[in-house]
N, C-alpha and C. Protein backbone atom coordinates (compact mmCIF):
# COMPACT_ATOMS: atom_id res chain seq x y z
N UNK A 1 12.10 8.69 30.06
CA UNK A 1 12.11 9.59 28.91
C UNK A 1 11.62 8.82 27.69
N UNK A 2 10.59 9.33 27.04
CA UNK A 2 10.01 8.65 25.89
C UNK A 2 10.54 9.26 24.60
N UNK A 3 11.19 8.40 23.82
CA UNK A 3 11.77 8.81 22.54
C UNK A 3 11.02 8.08 21.44
N UNK A 4 10.50 8.86 20.48
CA UNK A 4 9.73 8.28 19.37
C UNK A 4 10.32 8.73 18.04
N UNK A 5 9.89 8.06 17.00
CA UNK A 5 10.33 8.42 15.65
C UNK A 5 9.12 8.71 14.78
N UNK A 6 9.25 9.75 13.94
CA UNK A 6 8.29 10.04 12.88
C UNK A 6 9.02 9.76 11.57
N UNK A 7 8.78 8.61 10.95
CA UNK A 7 9.52 8.26 9.74
C UNK A 7 8.78 8.69 8.48
N UNK A 8 9.52 8.82 7.40
CA UNK A 8 8.90 9.12 6.11
C UNK A 8 9.95 9.45 5.07
N UNK A 9 9.47 9.75 3.88
CA UNK A 9 10.38 10.16 2.81
C UNK A 9 10.58 11.67 2.82
N UNK A 10 9.56 12.41 3.20
CA UNK A 10 9.64 13.87 3.33
C UNK A 10 10.22 14.52 2.07
N UNK A 11 9.68 14.15 0.93
CA UNK A 11 10.20 14.63 -0.36
C UNK A 11 9.16 15.45 -1.11
N UNK A 12 8.90 16.67 -0.68
CA UNK A 12 9.48 17.44 0.42
C UNK A 12 8.60 17.39 1.66
N UNK A 13 9.11 17.99 2.74
CA UNK A 13 8.32 18.14 3.96
C UNK A 13 7.15 19.08 3.67
N UNK A 14 5.97 18.73 4.16
CA UNK A 14 4.77 19.54 3.96
C UNK A 14 4.24 20.02 5.30
N UNK A 15 3.27 20.91 5.25
CA UNK A 15 2.63 21.38 6.47
C UNK A 15 1.88 20.24 7.17
N UNK A 16 1.44 19.25 6.41
CA UNK A 16 0.81 18.08 7.02
C UNK A 16 1.80 17.29 7.86
N UNK A 17 3.03 17.08 7.33
CA UNK A 17 4.07 16.42 8.11
C UNK A 17 4.34 17.21 9.38
N UNK A 18 4.47 18.52 9.22
CA UNK A 18 4.82 19.37 10.36
C UNK A 18 3.73 19.37 11.42
N UNK A 19 2.48 19.25 11.00
CA UNK A 19 1.37 19.15 11.95
C UNK A 19 1.57 17.93 12.86
N UNK A 20 1.89 16.79 12.28
CA UNK A 20 2.09 15.56 13.05
C UNK A 20 3.34 15.68 13.93
N UNK A 21 4.43 16.20 13.38
CA UNK A 21 5.68 16.34 14.13
C UNK A 21 5.48 17.27 15.32
N UNK A 22 4.84 18.41 15.11
CA UNK A 22 4.61 19.36 16.20
C UNK A 22 3.73 18.75 17.29
N UNK A 23 2.71 18.05 16.90
CA UNK A 23 1.82 17.44 17.89
C UNK A 23 2.55 16.34 18.66
N UNK A 24 3.36 15.56 17.96
CA UNK A 24 4.16 14.52 18.64
C UNK A 24 5.14 15.16 19.61
N UNK A 25 5.70 16.31 19.24
CA UNK A 25 6.68 16.97 20.11
C UNK A 25 6.05 17.46 21.42
N UNK A 26 4.74 17.68 21.42
CA UNK A 26 4.05 18.08 22.65
C UNK A 26 3.72 16.87 23.53
N UNK A 27 3.69 15.69 22.93
CA UNK A 27 3.30 14.47 23.65
C UNK A 27 4.47 13.67 24.19
N UNK A 28 5.63 13.79 23.54
CA UNK A 28 6.77 12.94 23.89
C UNK A 28 8.01 13.77 24.21
N UNK A 29 8.90 13.19 24.99
CA UNK A 29 10.11 13.89 25.41
C UNK A 29 11.04 14.20 24.25
N UNK A 30 11.19 13.24 23.35
CA UNK A 30 12.10 13.42 22.22
C UNK A 30 11.48 12.81 20.96
N UNK A 31 11.56 13.55 19.85
CA UNK A 31 11.03 13.09 18.58
C UNK A 31 12.17 13.12 17.56
N UNK A 32 12.41 11.98 16.93
CA UNK A 32 13.38 11.90 15.85
C UNK A 32 12.59 11.82 14.55
N UNK A 33 12.82 12.77 13.66
CA UNK A 33 12.20 12.73 12.33
C UNK A 33 13.21 12.02 11.43
N UNK A 34 12.84 10.84 10.97
CA UNK A 34 13.79 9.99 10.24
C UNK A 34 13.40 9.87 8.77
N UNK A 35 14.34 10.21 7.91
CA UNK A 35 14.15 10.15 6.46
C UNK A 35 14.62 8.78 5.98
N UNK A 36 13.72 8.07 5.33
CA UNK A 36 14.05 6.77 4.77
C UNK A 36 14.90 6.94 3.52
N UNK A 37 16.03 6.25 3.49
CA UNK A 37 16.88 6.21 2.30
C UNK A 37 16.43 5.00 1.49
N UNK A 38 15.79 5.26 0.37
CA UNK A 38 15.33 4.19 -0.51
C UNK A 38 16.14 4.27 -1.79
N UNK A 39 17.18 3.45 -1.89
CA UNK A 39 18.10 3.53 -3.01
C UNK A 39 17.46 3.18 -4.35
N UNK A 40 16.34 2.50 -4.33
CA UNK A 40 15.68 2.12 -5.58
C UNK A 40 14.75 3.22 -6.09
N UNK A 41 14.62 4.29 -5.35
CA UNK A 41 13.71 5.37 -5.71
C UNK A 41 14.46 6.69 -5.77
N UNK A 42 14.33 7.40 -6.88
CA UNK A 42 14.98 8.70 -7.04
C UNK A 42 14.00 9.78 -6.61
N UNK A 43 14.37 10.54 -5.59
CA UNK A 43 13.52 11.61 -5.11
C UNK A 43 13.84 12.92 -5.81
N UNK A 44 12.97 13.88 -5.63
CA UNK A 44 13.21 15.22 -6.16
C UNK A 44 14.34 15.88 -5.37
N UNK A 45 14.29 15.76 -4.05
CA UNK A 45 15.31 16.31 -3.17
C UNK A 45 16.24 15.19 -2.71
N UNK A 46 17.52 15.50 -2.57
CA UNK A 46 18.46 14.52 -2.04
C UNK A 46 18.15 14.30 -0.55
N UNK A 47 18.72 13.26 0.00
CA UNK A 47 18.53 13.00 1.44
C UNK A 47 19.06 14.18 2.25
N UNK A 48 20.23 14.69 1.89
CA UNK A 48 20.80 15.83 2.62
C UNK A 48 19.91 17.07 2.52
N UNK A 49 19.33 17.31 1.35
CA UNK A 49 18.42 18.45 1.19
C UNK A 49 17.18 18.28 2.05
N UNK A 50 16.65 17.07 2.08
CA UNK A 50 15.46 16.80 2.91
C UNK A 50 15.76 17.03 4.39
N UNK A 51 16.92 16.55 4.83
CA UNK A 51 17.31 16.74 6.22
C UNK A 51 17.47 18.23 6.54
N UNK A 52 18.06 18.98 5.62
CA UNK A 52 18.23 20.42 5.83
C UNK A 52 16.87 21.12 5.92
N UNK A 53 15.95 20.75 5.02
CA UNK A 53 14.61 21.35 5.05
C UNK A 53 13.89 21.00 6.35
N UNK A 54 14.02 19.75 6.78
CA UNK A 54 13.39 19.34 8.05
C UNK A 54 14.01 20.06 9.24
N UNK A 55 15.34 20.22 9.22
CA UNK A 55 16.00 20.95 10.31
C UNK A 55 15.47 22.38 10.39
N UNK A 56 15.32 23.02 9.25
CA UNK A 56 14.80 24.39 9.24
C UNK A 56 13.35 24.41 9.71
N UNK A 57 12.56 23.45 9.24
CA UNK A 57 11.13 23.43 9.56
C UNK A 57 10.85 23.13 11.03
N UNK A 58 11.78 22.44 11.69
CA UNK A 58 11.57 22.06 13.09
C UNK A 58 12.50 22.80 14.05
N UNK A 59 13.15 23.83 13.57
CA UNK A 59 14.14 24.55 14.39
C UNK A 59 13.54 25.16 15.66
N UNK A 60 12.25 25.40 15.67
CA UNK A 60 11.60 25.98 16.85
C UNK A 60 11.10 24.91 17.83
N UNK A 61 11.41 23.65 17.53
CA UNK A 61 10.98 22.55 18.40
C UNK A 61 12.23 21.92 19.02
N UNK A 62 12.59 22.31 20.25
CA UNK A 62 13.87 21.89 20.83
C UNK A 62 14.01 20.39 21.08
N UNK A 63 12.91 19.68 21.16
CA UNK A 63 12.99 18.24 21.41
C UNK A 63 12.87 17.40 20.13
N UNK A 64 13.04 18.05 18.98
CA UNK A 64 12.96 17.35 17.69
C UNK A 64 14.33 17.36 17.04
N UNK A 65 14.76 16.19 16.57
CA UNK A 65 16.00 16.06 15.82
C UNK A 65 15.70 15.31 14.53
N UNK A 66 16.67 15.31 13.63
CA UNK A 66 16.49 14.62 12.35
C UNK A 66 17.60 13.60 12.15
N UNK A 67 17.29 12.60 11.34
CA UNK A 67 18.27 11.57 11.00
C UNK A 67 17.80 10.90 9.72
N UNK A 68 18.67 10.10 9.13
CA UNK A 68 18.27 9.28 7.99
C UNK A 68 18.59 7.83 8.31
N UNK A 69 17.92 6.93 7.63
CA UNK A 69 18.17 5.51 7.86
C UNK A 69 17.87 4.73 6.59
N UNK A 70 18.48 3.58 6.47
CA UNK A 70 18.08 2.62 5.44
C UNK A 70 17.88 1.28 6.13
N UNK A 71 17.22 0.40 5.46
CA UNK A 71 16.91 -0.88 6.09
C UNK A 71 15.59 -0.82 6.84
N UNK A 72 15.49 -1.64 7.87
CA UNK A 72 14.24 -1.73 8.62
C UNK A 72 14.13 -0.62 9.66
N UNK A 73 12.98 -0.02 9.71
CA UNK A 73 12.72 1.04 10.68
C UNK A 73 12.88 0.51 12.10
N UNK A 74 12.43 -0.70 12.37
CA UNK A 74 12.53 -1.24 13.73
C UNK A 74 13.99 -1.42 14.14
N UNK A 75 14.88 -1.70 13.19
CA UNK A 75 16.31 -1.78 13.53
C UNK A 75 16.84 -0.40 13.89
N UNK A 76 16.42 0.63 13.14
CA UNK A 76 16.79 2.00 13.47
C UNK A 76 16.31 2.35 14.88
N UNK A 77 15.08 1.95 15.20
CA UNK A 77 14.52 2.22 16.53
C UNK A 77 15.34 1.52 17.61
N UNK A 78 15.62 0.26 17.43
CA UNK A 78 16.38 -0.50 18.42
C UNK A 78 17.78 0.09 18.61
N UNK A 79 18.43 0.45 17.50
CA UNK A 79 19.79 1.01 17.56
C UNK A 79 19.84 2.38 18.22
N UNK A 80 18.70 3.10 18.24
CA UNK A 80 18.67 4.47 18.76
C UNK A 80 17.82 4.65 20.01
N UNK A 81 17.44 3.56 20.66
CA UNK A 81 16.69 3.65 21.91
C UNK A 81 15.31 4.26 21.75
N UNK A 82 14.69 4.01 20.61
CA UNK A 82 13.36 4.57 20.31
C UNK A 82 12.30 3.53 20.64
N UNK A 83 11.33 3.95 21.44
CA UNK A 83 10.32 3.00 21.92
C UNK A 83 9.05 2.93 21.09
N UNK A 84 8.83 3.94 20.24
CA UNK A 84 7.58 3.94 19.47
C UNK A 84 7.73 4.68 18.15
N UNK A 85 6.91 4.28 17.22
CA UNK A 85 6.81 4.90 15.89
C UNK A 85 5.52 5.71 15.89
N UNK A 86 5.61 6.96 15.46
CA UNK A 86 4.42 7.81 15.35
C UNK A 86 4.12 8.03 13.87
N UNK A 87 2.91 7.70 13.49
CA UNK A 87 2.49 7.85 12.09
C UNK A 87 1.23 8.70 12.02
N UNK A 88 1.19 9.58 11.04
CA UNK A 88 -0.01 10.36 10.79
C UNK A 88 -0.94 9.60 9.86
N UNK A 89 -2.22 9.73 10.10
CA UNK A 89 -3.22 9.08 9.25
C UNK A 89 -4.10 10.14 8.61
N UNK A 90 -4.22 10.08 7.28
CA UNK A 90 -5.07 11.02 6.56
C UNK A 90 -6.45 10.45 6.31
N UNK A 91 -6.51 9.16 6.02
CA UNK A 91 -7.78 8.55 5.62
C UNK A 91 -7.77 7.07 5.99
N UNK A 92 -8.90 6.43 5.78
CA UNK A 92 -9.03 5.00 6.08
C UNK A 92 -8.01 4.18 5.29
N UNK A 93 -7.73 4.60 4.07
CA UNK A 93 -6.75 3.85 3.26
C UNK A 93 -5.37 3.88 3.91
N UNK A 94 -5.00 4.99 4.53
CA UNK A 94 -3.73 5.04 5.28
C UNK A 94 -3.76 4.03 6.42
N UNK A 95 -4.89 3.97 7.12
CA UNK A 95 -5.00 3.07 8.27
C UNK A 95 -4.80 1.63 7.85
N UNK A 96 -5.42 1.22 6.76
CA UNK A 96 -5.29 -0.17 6.30
C UNK A 96 -3.83 -0.55 6.09
N UNK A 97 -3.09 0.30 5.41
CA UNK A 97 -1.68 0.04 5.13
C UNK A 97 -0.85 0.14 6.42
N UNK A 98 -1.04 1.21 7.18
CA UNK A 98 -0.23 1.45 8.36
C UNK A 98 -0.48 0.41 9.45
N UNK A 99 -1.69 -0.10 9.55
CA UNK A 99 -1.97 -1.15 10.53
C UNK A 99 -1.16 -2.40 10.21
N UNK A 100 -1.11 -2.78 8.95
CA UNK A 100 -0.30 -3.94 8.55
C UNK A 100 1.17 -3.71 8.90
N UNK A 101 1.67 -2.53 8.60
CA UNK A 101 3.06 -2.21 8.92
C UNK A 101 3.29 -2.26 10.43
N UNK A 102 2.37 -1.70 11.19
CA UNK A 102 2.50 -1.69 12.64
C UNK A 102 2.51 -3.11 13.20
N UNK A 103 1.66 -3.96 12.67
CA UNK A 103 1.61 -5.34 13.15
C UNK A 103 2.87 -6.10 12.77
N UNK A 104 3.39 -5.85 11.56
CA UNK A 104 4.64 -6.49 11.16
C UNK A 104 5.79 -6.02 12.05
N UNK A 105 5.88 -4.70 12.25
CA UNK A 105 6.93 -4.16 13.10
C UNK A 105 6.83 -4.71 14.52
N UNK A 106 5.61 -4.82 15.03
CA UNK A 106 5.40 -5.37 16.36
C UNK A 106 5.79 -6.82 16.48
N UNK A 107 5.69 -7.56 15.37
CA UNK A 107 6.08 -8.96 15.40
C UNK A 107 7.60 -9.12 15.38
N UNK A 108 8.31 -8.08 14.93
CA UNK A 108 9.77 -8.13 14.83
C UNK A 108 10.47 -7.64 16.10
N UNK A 109 9.86 -6.68 16.78
CA UNK A 109 10.46 -6.08 17.98
C UNK A 109 9.35 -5.67 18.94
N UNK A 110 9.73 -5.04 20.03
CA UNK A 110 8.75 -4.53 20.98
C UNK A 110 8.46 -3.05 20.75
N UNK A 111 8.77 -2.55 19.57
CA UNK A 111 8.50 -1.15 19.23
C UNK A 111 7.02 -1.02 18.88
N UNK A 112 6.34 -0.13 19.59
CA UNK A 112 4.92 0.11 19.32
C UNK A 112 4.75 1.16 18.24
N UNK A 113 3.57 1.16 17.63
CA UNK A 113 3.22 2.20 16.65
C UNK A 113 1.99 2.94 17.16
N UNK A 114 2.07 4.26 17.11
CA UNK A 114 0.97 5.11 17.54
C UNK A 114 0.50 5.93 16.35
N UNK A 115 -0.80 6.07 16.21
CA UNK A 115 -1.36 6.81 15.09
C UNK A 115 -1.93 8.14 15.58
N UNK A 116 -1.64 9.19 14.83
CA UNK A 116 -2.21 10.51 15.10
C UNK A 116 -3.00 10.91 13.86
N UNK A 117 -4.30 11.15 14.01
CA UNK A 117 -5.07 11.58 12.84
C UNK A 117 -4.66 12.99 12.42
N UNK A 118 -4.57 13.18 11.13
CA UNK A 118 -4.19 14.49 10.62
C UNK A 118 -5.26 15.52 10.90
N UNK A 119 -4.85 16.75 10.96
CA UNK A 119 -5.79 17.85 11.05
C UNK A 119 -6.59 17.87 9.74
N UNK A 120 -7.90 18.02 9.78
CA UNK A 120 -8.71 17.97 8.55
C UNK A 120 -8.19 18.88 7.43
N UNK A 121 -7.62 20.00 7.80
CA UNK A 121 -7.08 20.93 6.81
C UNK A 121 -6.04 20.28 5.89
N UNK A 122 -5.36 19.24 6.39
CA UNK A 122 -4.30 18.59 5.63
C UNK A 122 -4.64 17.15 5.22
N UNK A 123 -5.90 16.77 5.31
CA UNK A 123 -6.27 15.38 5.08
C UNK A 123 -6.01 14.88 3.65
N UNK A 124 -5.87 15.78 2.72
CA UNK A 124 -5.63 15.41 1.31
C UNK A 124 -4.16 15.51 0.94
N UNK A 125 -3.36 16.04 1.82
CA UNK A 125 -2.00 16.48 1.49
C UNK A 125 -1.00 15.33 1.45
N UNK A 126 -0.28 15.25 0.34
CA UNK A 126 0.80 14.27 0.16
C UNK A 126 1.93 14.95 -0.60
N UNK A 127 3.15 14.59 -0.27
CA UNK A 127 4.31 15.16 -0.97
C UNK A 127 4.21 14.98 -2.47
N UNK A 128 3.74 13.81 -2.90
CA UNK A 128 3.65 13.53 -4.34
C UNK A 128 2.68 14.50 -5.02
N UNK A 129 1.58 14.85 -4.36
CA UNK A 129 0.64 15.81 -4.93
C UNK A 129 1.24 17.21 -4.97
N UNK A 130 1.96 17.58 -3.91
CA UNK A 130 2.62 18.88 -3.86
C UNK A 130 3.59 19.01 -5.03
N UNK A 131 4.39 17.97 -5.25
CA UNK A 131 5.37 18.00 -6.35
C UNK A 131 4.68 18.11 -7.70
N UNK A 132 3.61 17.36 -7.88
CA UNK A 132 2.91 17.38 -9.16
C UNK A 132 2.31 18.75 -9.45
N UNK A 133 1.68 19.35 -8.47
CA UNK A 133 1.09 20.67 -8.65
C UNK A 133 2.18 21.72 -8.88
N UNK A 134 3.25 21.66 -8.07
CA UNK A 134 4.35 22.62 -8.21
C UNK A 134 5.04 22.48 -9.58
N UNK A 135 5.18 21.27 -10.03
CA UNK A 135 5.83 21.01 -11.33
C UNK A 135 5.09 21.72 -12.46
N UNK A 136 3.79 21.82 -12.35
CA UNK A 136 2.98 22.45 -13.39
C UNK A 136 2.61 23.89 -13.07
N UNK A 137 3.32 24.47 -12.11
CA UNK A 137 3.14 25.89 -11.81
C UNK A 137 1.99 26.23 -10.91
N UNK A 138 1.37 25.23 -10.29
CA UNK A 138 0.25 25.49 -9.39
C UNK A 138 0.72 26.08 -8.07
N UNK A 139 -0.21 26.67 -7.36
CA UNK A 139 0.10 27.34 -6.09
C UNK A 139 0.04 26.36 -4.93
N UNK A 140 1.20 26.06 -4.35
CA UNK A 140 1.27 25.17 -3.18
C UNK A 140 1.74 25.94 -1.95
N UNK A 141 1.63 27.25 -1.99
CA UNK A 141 2.16 28.10 -0.92
C UNK A 141 1.50 27.85 0.44
N UNK A 142 0.27 27.37 0.46
CA UNK A 142 -0.40 27.09 1.73
C UNK A 142 -0.09 25.68 2.25
N UNK A 143 0.66 24.91 1.46
CA UNK A 143 0.87 23.50 1.78
C UNK A 143 2.26 23.17 2.30
N UNK A 144 3.20 24.10 2.11
CA UNK A 144 4.59 23.88 2.53
C UNK A 144 5.15 25.16 3.15
N UNK A 145 6.18 25.04 3.98
CA UNK A 145 6.83 26.25 4.49
C UNK A 145 7.41 27.09 3.34
N UNK A 146 7.57 28.38 3.56
CA UNK A 146 8.05 29.30 2.52
C UNK A 146 9.36 28.85 1.90
N UNK A 147 10.32 28.41 2.71
CA UNK A 147 11.62 28.02 2.18
C UNK A 147 11.54 26.74 1.36
N UNK A 148 10.59 25.88 1.66
CA UNK A 148 10.38 24.69 0.83
C UNK A 148 9.79 25.11 -0.51
N UNK A 149 8.87 26.05 -0.49
CA UNK A 149 8.29 26.58 -1.72
C UNK A 149 9.39 27.15 -2.62
N UNK A 150 10.29 27.92 -2.04
CA UNK A 150 11.40 28.50 -2.79
C UNK A 150 12.24 27.40 -3.44
N UNK A 151 12.55 26.36 -2.68
CA UNK A 151 13.36 25.26 -3.21
C UNK A 151 12.60 24.45 -4.26
N UNK A 152 11.30 24.28 -4.08
CA UNK A 152 10.49 23.59 -5.08
C UNK A 152 10.52 24.35 -6.41
N UNK A 153 10.33 25.65 -6.32
CA UNK A 153 10.35 26.48 -7.54
C UNK A 153 11.71 26.38 -8.23
N UNK A 154 12.77 26.36 -7.46
CA UNK A 154 14.12 26.25 -8.04
C UNK A 154 14.31 24.90 -8.73
N UNK A 155 13.77 23.84 -8.14
CA UNK A 155 13.89 22.50 -8.73
C UNK A 155 13.17 22.43 -10.09
N UNK A 156 12.06 23.12 -10.18
CA UNK A 156 11.26 23.05 -11.41
C UNK A 156 11.48 24.21 -12.37
N UNK A 157 12.46 25.06 -12.06
CA UNK A 157 12.76 26.22 -12.93
C UNK A 157 13.43 25.76 -14.23
């Protein structure tokens, strides 16, 4: 049984994230979507809110679960029997950074990293851009699930 993790901040979860999670769920037996707890960074959504949004967004995927972690991702993987990290790539700049991370993680443990290229429709999509556009009243309805849009509007009301 192959168990993988899709890590990120998911502040908030976007359709681009969901594209990678859904595709990973078709390839692997179990997918854990793990929210990084970064105490030095204040997010728009709390960790609990992010987990709730992810649970709702992935409720139709029976082999997907959610969790949060702090510290090293490879320690989370080792502690939870996870054999690989799945990362989405939007552009070459993502690859440069993610390759370094993958090589560092590989030097620390035997956890592999697998890259899934994003669907072109979402190649520009980042949570930070969604928040910036939503903050100024722009239309992000095609970029996030409906319930995330509702929560974004409430945050910026």
